Amino acid sequence: MSFAKYRIRAGRTEDLIGVMLLERATPEAPHWAESAYAAIVNVDGSVEVAVRRCLYVAESEAGLLGFAVGKLLVSGAVRLAELESVAVNALARRMGLGRALCAAVIRWCSEEGGEEMELEVRAGSAGAVALYSGLGFAVVGQRDNYYRDPTEDALLMQLRLAVDK
């Protein structure tokens, strides 16, 4: 299976089965109901909401290779983004897909007016911490015993977003 050629695009309804299969096959990914993903891709753009989400997918001829979810909270002067989830097929890791997916979410959050982005990552996940650091995130705190199975601390990381005004 070749993953060398892939593209990143906004997720659509027809991606939900693949997203759910990949999420379930990725133990470290947050596990959401399919309806949560469906709500992201079936948003009515005419309605103003305080919390908006985006879903980006990586795909190749082999099919769905990964996805990422971002969230933007806009309330008064607060314009806070969060990188909520990133999952890449185990066979397609270390090929730049995670970085490309994160970059797409960061770009969307910035274009939508986000000023700062946060994320939580397992303290022992050296690869993920290196990925996020390489994207400009800095460790700003820690939540002790945050994750389960196995119990592990969470590192809190933040990134200042470029805001075009």
Protein backbone atom coordinates (compact mmCIF):
# COMPACT_ATOMS: atom_id res chain seq x y z
CA MET A 1 0.00 0.00 0.00
CA SER A 2 1.46 3.37 -1.02
CA PHE A 3 0.78 6.49 1.03
CA ALA A 4 3.39 8.70 -0.63
CA LYS A 5 0.76 10.75 -2.47
CA TYR A 6 -1.97 12.07 -0.23
CA ARG A 7 -4.13 15.14 0.02
CA ILE A 8 -5.67 17.04 2.89
CA ARG A 9 -9.23 18.30 2.57
CA ALA A 10 -12.23 19.27 4.66
CA GLY A 11 -14.15 16.25 5.91
CA ARG A 12 -17.55 15.36 4.45
CA THR A 13 -20.46 13.16 5.45
CA GLU A 14 -19.18 10.30 3.29
CA ASP A 15 -15.93 10.26 5.35
CA LEU A 16 -17.65 9.47 8.65
CA ILE A 17 -17.47 5.67 8.39
CA GLY A 18 -13.73 5.83 7.69
CA VAL A 19 -13.20 8.38 10.48
CA MET A 20 -15.04 6.15 12.95
CA LEU A 21 -13.09 3.04 11.89
CA LEU A 22 -9.76 4.86 12.23
CA GLU A 23 -10.73 6.43 15.55
CA ARG A 24 -11.70 3.04 16.99
CA ALA A 25 -8.44 1.51 15.71
CA THR A 26 -6.42 4.27 17.44
CA PRO A 27 -6.48 3.60 21.19
CA GLU A 28 -4.90 6.95 22.09
CA ALA A 29 -7.50 8.96 20.13
CA PRO A 30 -10.50 10.46 21.92
CA HIS A 31 -13.54 8.32 21.22
CA TRP A 32 -16.64 10.26 20.22
CA ALA A 33 -20.05 9.24 18.99
CA GLU A 34 -20.54 9.29 15.23
CA SER A 35 -23.18 11.99 15.77
CA ALA A 36 -20.45 14.31 17.11
CA TYR A 37 -18.49 14.00 13.87
CA ALA A 38 -21.68 14.31 11.82
CA ALA A 39 -22.48 17.58 13.60
CA ILE A 40 -19.11 18.98 12.46
CA VAL A 41 -19.61 18.24 8.77
CA ASN A 42 -23.35 19.07 8.68
CA VAL A 43 -23.14 22.59 10.10
CA ASP A 44 -25.59 25.20 8.88
CA GLY A 45 -23.29 28.11 8.06
CA SER A 46 -26.11 30.64 8.31
CA VAL A 47 -26.42 30.14 12.07
CA GLU A 48 -24.02 32.06 14.32
CA VAL A 49 -22.68 29.80 17.09
CA ALA A 50 -20.13 30.41 19.84
CA VAL A 51 -18.37 27.07 19.28
CA ARG A 52 -17.43 25.89 15.78
CA ARG A 53 -15.50 22.80 14.76
CA CYS A 54 -13.62 21.64 11.70
CA LEU A 55 -12.75 18.17 10.46
CA TYR A 56 -9.90 17.60 8.02
CA VAL A 57 -9.01 14.27 6.47
CA ALA A 58 -5.91 12.90 4.75
CA GLU A 59 -6.62 10.52 1.91
CA SER A 60 -4.79 8.67 -0.83
CA GLU A 61 -5.78 6.14 -3.44
CA ALA A 62 -5.71 3.64 -0.56
CA GLY A 63 -8.49 5.55 1.22
CA LEU A 64 -8.71 7.56 4.42
CA LEU A 65 -5.30 7.78 6.14
CA GLY A 66 -5.97 10.20 8.97
CA PHE A 67 -8.11 12.99 10.36
CA ALA A 68 -7.91 15.96 12.70
CA VAL A 69 -10.55 17.95 14.57
CA GLY A 70 -10.26 21.54 15.71
CA LYS A 71 -12.56 23.70 17.79
CA LEU A 72 -12.95 27.46 17.98
CA LEU A 73 -14.69 29.24 20.86
CA VAL A 74 -15.69 32.83 20.21
CA SER A 75 -17.31 34.56 23.16
CA GLY A 76 -16.89 38.28 23.70
CA ALA A 77 -13.18 39.03 23.62
CA VAL A 78 -12.26 35.32 23.89
CA ARG A 79 -11.15 33.68 20.62
CA LEU A 80 -9.68 30.38 21.78
CA ALA A 81 -8.96 27.40 19.53
CA GLU A 82 -8.23 23.81 20.46
CA LEU A 83 -6.67 20.97 18.52
CA GLU A 84 -9.02 18.29 19.83
CA SER A 85 -8.01 15.15 18.01
CA VAL A 86 -5.47 13.85 15.50
CA ALA A 87 -5.38 10.24 14.32
CA VAL A 88 -3.25 8.70 11.58
CA ASN A 89 -3.37 5.11 10.34
CA ALA A 90 -0.54 3.21 12.05
CA LEU A 91 0.88 2.18 8.65
CA ALA A 92 1.01 5.80 7.46
CA ARG A 93 2.71 7.42 10.46
CA ARG A 94 6.01 9.32 10.27
CA MET A 95 5.22 10.47 6.72
CA GLY A 96 4.07 14.04 7.44
CA LEU A 97 0.34 13.36 7.51
CA GLY A 98 -0.11 14.36 11.16
CA ARG A 99 1.81 17.59 10.56
CA ALA A 100 -0.24 18.38 7.44
CA LEU A 101 -3.53 17.67 9.24
CA CYS A 102 -2.53 19.83 12.22
CA ALA A 103 -1.45 22.63 9.88
CA ALA A 104 -4.86 22.53 8.16
CA VAL A 105 -6.66 22.83 11.51
CA ILE A 106 -4.34 25.62 12.67
CA ARG A 107 -4.92 27.52 9.41
CA TRP A 108 -8.72 27.11 9.69
CA CYS A 109 -8.76 28.29 13.32
CA SER A 110 -6.60 31.29 12.44
CA GLU A 111 -8.74 32.21 9.42
CA GLU A 112 -11.86 31.94 11.58
CA GLY A 113 -10.42 34.47 14.04
CA GLY A 114 -8.75 32.29 16.66
CA GLU A 115 -5.97 34.04 18.54
CA GLU A 116 -4.54 31.21 20.60
CA MET A 117 -4.68 27.42 20.26
CA GLU A 118 -4.43 24.84 23.02
CA LEU A 119 -4.06 21.09 23.15
CA GLU A 120 -3.47 18.29 25.63
CA VAL A 121 -1.08 15.44 24.91
CA ARG A 122 0.13 12.41 26.84
CA ALA A 123 3.37 13.39 28.58
CA GLY A 124 4.97 10.11 27.49
CA SER A 125 4.08 10.51 23.81
CA ALA A 126 7.46 11.81 22.66
CA GLY A 127 6.53 11.68 18.97
CA ALA A 128 3.37 13.72 19.45
CA VAL A 129 5.11 16.24 21.72
CA ALA A 130 7.86 16.64 19.09
CA LEU A 131 5.25 17.10 16.35
CA TYR A 132 3.41 19.82 18.27
CA SER A 133 6.65 21.53 19.32
CA GLY A 134 7.72 21.54 15.68
CA LEU A 135 4.48 23.33 14.81
CA GLY A 136 5.29 26.05 17.36
CA PHE A 137 3.35 24.83 20.40
CA ALA A 138 5.01 25.36 23.80
CA VAL A 139 4.36 23.44 27.01
CA VAL A 140 2.55 25.73 29.47
CA GLY A 141 1.36 23.31 32.11
CA GLN A 142 0.54 19.78 33.14
CA ARG A 143 -2.51 17.87 34.39
CA ASP A 144 -1.48 15.06 36.71
CA ASN A 145 -3.00 11.62 36.10
CA TYR A 146 -5.25 13.04 33.37
CA TYR A 147 -5.28 10.03 31.03
CA ARG A 148 -6.44 6.49 31.82
CA ASP A 149 -5.44 3.10 30.42
CA PRO A 150 -2.66 3.67 31.24
CA THR A 151 -2.76 6.48 33.78
CA GLU A 152 -0.53 9.28 32.56
CA ASP A 153 -0.08 13.03 32.93
CA ALA A 154 -1.21 15.43 30.21
CA LEU A 155 1.00 18.23 28.96
CA LEU A 156 -0.86 21.42 28.14
CA MET A 157 0.54 23.15 25.07
CA GLN A 158 -0.32 26.49 23.48
CA LEU A 159 0.32 28.25 20.18
CA ARG A 160 -0.22 31.93 19.41
CA LEU A 161 -2.10 32.15 16.10
CA ALA A 162 -1.39 34.74 13.44
CA VAL A 163 -4.51 36.87 13.21
CA ASP A 164 -5.15 38.94 10.11
CA LYS A 165 -7.19 41.96 11.09
